[in-house]
Amino acid sequence: MDNMAWLLCLSWAAFGASGARDASPHAPSAPILEVLGAAGTLRWRHSIEKSWWEEAYTAEPGGVRLLAARVRGSGAGMEPPPEAHFEHGVWVYRPNRLLPKVVLTHSSFAAPYEWCGEGSGCRALLPPASRLDAEQAPMTSVSAWRMEIAPCRGEQKST
């Protein structure tokens, strides 16, 4: 029987590692792995409507379970699905869908995704190159990075 805890891990890989033209010269060739925890909420602001969209996830051996989603507005392609209901000023629905992984794409013209861990607050998900000192590596285009959230074993190390 498998007693190992499952966690959610975020991997960053530069598109240049797979041949894209716009990769940062400071991007590593191998993916960078970051442990997010057993569960949490991915959130972002819509680039036009400026409304929050939030999705709650948990790790399972077979993938990443999307438990619930909340949309704090609608319009510009962000309408909640028919099964959503309006609750305390927010559209809420519960897909309860198991996904092998969550693949994130990002426009460098929008704010970064945020991860809200259980009891640890929220933080921006910034590509590794943008975490370096500005003199070492200027802020690179966020669109030069691919982000994936997938289950990982409890023995993974955080970077």
C-alpha atoms as a PDB file:
ATOM      1  CA  MET A   1       0.000   0.000   0.000  1.00  0.00           C
ATOM      2  CA  ASP A   2       1.251   3.497  -0.879  1.00  0.00           C
ATOM      3  CA  ASN A   3       1.494   5.715   2.238  1.00  0.00           C
ATOM      4  CA  MET A   4       3.435   8.476   0.482  1.00  0.00           C
ATOM      5  CA  ALA A   5       1.822  11.922   0.628  1.00  0.00           C
ATOM      6  CA  TRP A   6       0.947  13.487  -2.698  1.00  0.00           C
ATOM      7  CA  LEU A   7       1.742  17.140  -3.257  1.00  0.00           C
ATOM      8  CA  LEU A   8       1.187  19.645  -6.037  1.00  0.00           C
ATOM      9  CA  CYS A   9       4.357  20.688  -7.824  1.00  0.00           C
ATOM     10  CA  LEU A  10       4.834  23.577 -10.206  1.00  0.00           C
ATOM     11  CA  SER A  11       7.343  23.021 -12.974  1.00  0.00           C
ATOM     12  CA  TRP A  12       8.812  25.810 -15.029  1.00  0.00           C
ATOM     13  CA  ALA A  13      10.412  25.158 -18.371  1.00  0.00           C
ATOM     14  CA  ALA A  14      11.612  27.730 -20.848  1.00  0.00           C
ATOM     15  CA  PHE A  15       9.997  27.413 -24.239  1.00  0.00           C
ATOM     16  CA  GLY A  16      13.534  27.703 -25.596  1.00  0.00           C
ATOM     17  CA  ALA A  17      14.262  24.276 -24.132  1.00  0.00           C
ATOM     18  CA  SER A  18      11.776  22.944 -26.664  1.00  0.00           C
ATOM     19  CA  GLY A  19      12.835  25.191 -29.529  1.00  0.00           C
ATOM     20  CA  ALA A  20      10.803  28.420 -29.212  1.00  0.00           C
ATOM     21  CA  ARG A  21      12.413  31.594 -30.483  1.00  0.00           C
ATOM     22  CA  ASP A  22      11.485  33.961 -27.614  1.00  0.00           C
ATOM     23  CA  ALA A  23      13.151  32.156 -24.690  1.00  0.00           C
ATOM     24  CA  SER A  24      15.168  34.110 -22.180  1.00  0.00           C
ATOM     25  CA  PRO A  25      18.950  33.726 -22.489  1.00  0.00           C
ATOM     26  CA  HIS A  26      18.896  33.299 -18.671  1.00  0.00           C
ATOM     27  CA  ALA A  27      16.457  30.375 -18.760  1.00  0.00           C
ATOM     28  CA  PRO A  28      17.706  27.011 -17.543  1.00  0.00           C
ATOM     29  CA  SER A  29      17.602  24.128 -20.018  1.00  0.00           C
ATOM     30  CA  ALA A  30      16.024  21.709 -17.495  1.00  0.00           C
ATOM     31  CA  PRO A  31      12.661  22.291 -15.777  1.00  0.00           C
ATOM     32  CA  ILE A  32      12.661  23.875 -12.332  1.00  0.00           C
ATOM     33  CA  LEU A  33      10.427  22.152  -9.811  1.00  0.00           C
ATOM     34  CA  GLU A  34       8.725  23.945  -6.940  1.00  0.00           C
ATOM     35  CA  VAL A  35       6.545  22.224  -4.307  1.00  0.00           C
ATOM     36  CA  LEU A  36       3.243  24.064  -3.766  1.00  0.00           C
ATOM     37  CA  GLY A  37       1.699  21.810  -1.084  1.00  0.00           C
ATOM     38  CA  ALA A  38      -1.082  19.222  -0.901  1.00  0.00           C
ATOM     39  CA  ALA A  39      -3.834  21.660  -1.898  1.00  0.00           C
ATOM     40  CA  GLY A  40      -4.372  25.304  -2.735  1.00  0.00           C
ATOM     41  CA  THR A  41      -6.057  27.872  -4.923  1.00  0.00           C
ATOM     42  CA  LEU A  42      -4.791  29.146  -8.254  1.00  0.00           C
ATOM     43  CA  ARG A  43      -6.075  32.639  -8.988  1.00  0.00           C
ATOM     44  CA  TRP A  44      -5.621  35.323 -11.599  1.00  0.00           C
ATOM     45  CA  ARG A  45      -7.145  38.569 -12.791  1.00  0.00           C
ATOM     46  CA  HIS A  46      -8.769  38.658 -16.194  1.00  0.00           C
ATOM     47  CA  SER A  47      -6.640  40.916 -18.404  1.00  0.00           C
ATOM     48  CA  ILE A  48      -9.600  42.996 -19.616  1.00  0.00           C
ATOM     49  CA  GLU A  49     -12.341  42.687 -16.990  1.00  0.00           C
ATOM     50  CA  LYS A  50      -9.863  42.817 -14.060  1.00  0.00           C
ATOM     51  CA  SER A  51     -12.081  40.336 -12.184  1.00  0.00           C
ATOM     52  CA  TRP A  52     -10.652  37.470 -10.136  1.00  0.00           C
ATOM     53  CA  TRP A  53     -10.997  33.874 -11.239  1.00  0.00           C
ATOM     54  CA  GLU A  54     -10.092  31.266  -8.611  1.00  0.00           C
ATOM     55  CA  GLU A  55      -9.768  27.479  -8.851  1.00  0.00           C
ATOM     56  CA  ALA A  56      -9.202  25.170  -5.865  1.00  0.00           C
ATOM     57  CA  TYR A  57      -7.020  22.100  -6.470  1.00  0.00           C
ATOM     58  CA  THR A  58      -5.800  19.108  -4.516  1.00  0.00           C
ATOM     59  CA  ALA A  59      -3.181  16.457  -5.325  1.00  0.00           C
ATOM     60  CA  GLU A  60      -4.127  12.824  -5.939  1.00  0.00           C
ATOM     61  CA  PRO A  61      -2.110   9.839  -7.216  1.00  0.00           C
ATOM     62  CA  GLY A  62      -3.887  10.011 -10.597  1.00  0.00           C
ATOM     63  CA  GLY A  63      -3.641  13.759 -11.144  1.00  0.00           C
ATOM     64  CA  VAL A  64      -4.790  17.159  -9.975  1.00  0.00           C
ATOM     65  CA  ARG A  65      -8.393  17.429  -8.804  1.00  0.00           C
ATOM     66  CA  LEU A  66     -10.220  20.659  -9.638  1.00  0.00           C
ATOM     67  CA  LEU A  67     -12.599  20.884  -6.683  1.00  0.00           C
ATOM     68  CA  ALA A  68     -14.256  24.276  -7.070  1.00  0.00           C
ATOM     69  CA  ALA A  69     -14.076  27.494  -9.037  1.00  0.00           C
ATOM     70  CA  ARG A  70     -15.155  31.051  -8.281  1.00  0.00           C
ATOM     71  CA  VAL A  71     -15.594  33.881 -10.743  1.00  0.00           C
ATOM     72  CA  ARG A  72     -16.009  37.410  -9.390  1.00  0.00           C
ATOM     73  CA  GLY A  73     -17.667  38.795 -12.493  1.00  0.00           C
ATOM     74  CA  SER A  74     -18.417  37.906 -16.069  1.00  0.00           C
ATOM     75  CA  GLY A  75     -17.866  39.208 -19.567  1.00  0.00           C
ATOM     76  CA  ALA A  76     -15.099  39.118 -22.187  1.00  0.00           C
ATOM     77  CA  GLY A  77     -15.061  35.326 -22.436  1.00  0.00           C
ATOM     78  CA  MET A  78     -15.220  34.553 -18.733  1.00  0.00           C
ATOM     79  CA  GLU A  79     -18.844  33.584 -18.265  1.00  0.00           C
ATOM     80  CA  PRO A  80     -19.428  30.983 -15.566  1.00  0.00           C
ATOM     81  CA  PRO A  81     -20.837  27.622 -16.753  1.00  0.00           C
ATOM     82  CA  PRO A  82     -24.586  26.839 -16.564  1.00  0.00           C
ATOM     83  CA  GLU A  83     -24.205  24.857 -13.312  1.00  0.00           C
ATOM     84  CA  ALA A  84     -22.729  27.882 -11.465  1.00  0.00           C
ATOM     85  CA  HIS A  85     -24.771  29.652  -8.832  1.00  0.00           C
ATOM     86  CA  PHE A  86     -24.425  33.183  -7.462  1.00  0.00           C
ATOM     87  CA  GLU A  87     -23.319  33.145  -3.828  1.00  0.00           C
ATOM     88  CA  HIS A  88     -22.273  36.225  -1.811  1.00  0.00           C
ATOM     89  CA  GLY A  89     -21.374  38.222  -4.927  1.00  0.00           C
ATOM     90  CA  VAL A  90     -19.401  35.414  -6.596  1.00  0.00           C
ATOM     91  CA  TRP A  91     -20.303  32.806  -9.221  1.00  0.00           C
ATOM     92  CA  VAL A  92     -19.417  29.387  -7.729  1.00  0.00           C
ATOM     93  CA  TYR A  93     -19.361  25.919  -9.246  1.00  0.00           C
ATOM     94  CA  ARG A  94     -17.870  22.565  -8.317  1.00  0.00           C
ATOM     95  CA  PRO A  95     -16.509  20.651 -11.327  1.00  0.00           C
ATOM     96  CA  ASN A  96     -14.884  17.896  -9.202  1.00  0.00           C
ATOM     97  CA  ARG A  97     -12.777  16.935 -12.240  1.00  0.00           C
ATOM     98  CA  LEU A  98      -9.522  14.945 -12.169  1.00  0.00           C
ATOM     99  CA  LEU A  99      -6.926  16.338 -14.584  1.00  0.00           C
ATOM    100  CA  PRO A 100      -3.516  14.795 -15.347  1.00  0.00           C
ATOM    101  CA  LYS A 101      -1.975  18.291 -14.949  1.00  0.00           C
ATOM    102  CA  VAL A 102      -2.836  21.971 -15.256  1.00  0.00           C
ATOM    103  CA  VAL A 103      -0.966  23.780 -18.032  1.00  0.00           C
ATOM    104  CA  LEU A 104      -0.698  27.541 -17.674  1.00  0.00           C
ATOM    105  CA  THR A 105       0.074  30.060 -20.371  1.00  0.00           C
ATOM    106  CA  HIS A 106       0.570  33.718 -19.706  1.00  0.00           C
ATOM    107  CA  SER A 107       0.648  37.021 -21.487  1.00  0.00           C
ATOM    108  CA  SER A 108       3.435  39.351 -20.454  1.00  0.00           C
ATOM    109  CA  PHE A 109       0.780  42.106 -20.574  1.00  0.00           C
ATOM    110  CA  ALA A 110      -1.188  40.610 -17.666  1.00  0.00           C
ATOM    111  CA  ALA A 111      -0.459  40.203 -13.967  1.00  0.00           C
ATOM    112  CA  PRO A 112       1.053  36.840 -12.995  1.00  0.00           C
ATOM    113  CA  TYR A 113      -0.956  33.926 -11.658  1.00  0.00           C
ATOM    114  CA  GLU A 114      -1.100  33.651  -7.870  1.00  0.00           C
ATOM    115  CA  TRP A 115      -0.992  30.553  -5.686  1.00  0.00           C
ATOM    116  CA  CYS A 116      -2.749  30.594  -2.328  1.00  0.00           C
ATOM    117  CA  GLY A 117      -1.558  27.706  -0.185  1.00  0.00           C
ATOM    118  CA  GLU A 118      -3.431  26.337   2.788  1.00  0.00           C
ATOM    119  CA  GLY A 119      -2.590  28.679   5.662  1.00  0.00           C
ATOM    120  CA  SER A 120       0.360  30.286   3.874  1.00  0.00           C
ATOM    121  CA  GLY A 121      -1.249  33.240   2.090  1.00  0.00           C
ATOM    122  CA  CYS A 122      -0.989  34.056  -1.611  1.00  0.00           C
ATOM    123  CA  ARG A 123       2.088  34.667  -3.735  1.00  0.00           C
ATOM    124  CA  ALA A 124       2.746  35.513  -7.369  1.00  0.00           C
ATOM    125  CA  LEU A 125       3.973  32.701  -9.604  1.00  0.00           C
ATOM    126  CA  LEU A 126       6.899  34.409 -11.289  1.00  0.00           C
ATOM    127  CA  PRO A 127       9.263  32.746 -13.752  1.00  0.00           C
ATOM    128  CA  PRO A 128      12.660  31.934 -12.244  1.00  0.00           C
ATOM    129  CA  ALA A 129      14.548  34.488 -14.397  1.00  0.00           C
ATOM    130  CA  SER A 130      12.387  37.333 -13.064  1.00  0.00           C
ATOM    131  CA  ARG A 131      13.436  36.439  -9.500  1.00  0.00           C
ATOM    132  CA  LEU A 132      17.072  37.301 -10.209  1.00  0.00           C
ATOM    133  CA  ASP A 133      18.519  40.693  -9.493  1.00  0.00           C
ATOM    134  CA  ALA A 134      17.559  43.138 -12.272  1.00  0.00           C
ATOM    135  CA  GLU A 135      21.245  43.831 -12.978  1.00  0.00           C
ATOM    136  CA  GLN A 136      21.949  40.111 -13.423  1.00  0.00           C
ATOM    137  CA  ALA A 137      18.980  39.360 -15.664  1.00  0.00           C
ATOM    138  CA  PRO A 138      16.441  41.915 -16.795  1.00  0.00           C
ATOM    139  CA  MET A 139      12.778  40.918 -16.444  1.00  0.00           C
ATOM    140  CA  THR A 140      12.094  38.499 -19.251  1.00  0.00           C
ATOM    141  CA  SER A 141       8.832  37.943 -21.020  1.00  0.00           C
ATOM    142  CA  VAL A 142       6.615  35.723 -18.899  1.00  0.00           C
ATOM    143  CA  SER A 143       5.334  34.237 -22.159  1.00  0.00           C
ATOM    144  CA  ALA A 144       8.753  32.596 -22.598  1.00  0.00           C
ATOM    145  CA  TRP A 145       7.876  30.097 -19.865  1.00  0.00           C
ATOM    146  CA  ARG A 146       5.579  27.104 -19.664  1.00  0.00           C
ATOM    147  CA  MET A 147       4.109  26.335 -16.252  1.00  0.00           C
ATOM    148  CA  GLU A 148       2.537  23.036 -15.247  1.00  0.00           C
ATOM    149  CA  ILE A 149       0.947  22.004 -11.970  1.00  0.00           C
ATOM    150  CA  ALA A 150       1.011  18.233 -11.493  1.00  0.00           C
ATOM    151  CA  PRO A 151       1.031  15.758  -8.618  1.00  0.00           C
ATOM    152  CA  CYS A 152       4.402  14.843  -7.165  1.00  0.00           C
ATOM    153  CA  ARG A 153       5.509  12.536  -4.378  1.00  0.00           C
ATOM    154  CA  GLY A 154       6.012  13.838  -0.848  1.00  0.00           C
ATOM    155  CA  GLU A 155       9.757  13.278  -1.021  1.00  0.00           C
ATOM    156  CA  GLN A 156      10.260  16.050  -3.637  1.00  0.00           C
ATOM    157  CA  LYS A 157      12.496  18.923  -2.575  1.00  0.00           C
ATOM    158  CA  SER A 158      11.483  22.562  -2.968  1.00  0.00           C
ATOM    159  CA  THR A 159      13.752  24.850  -5.014  1.00  0.00           C
END
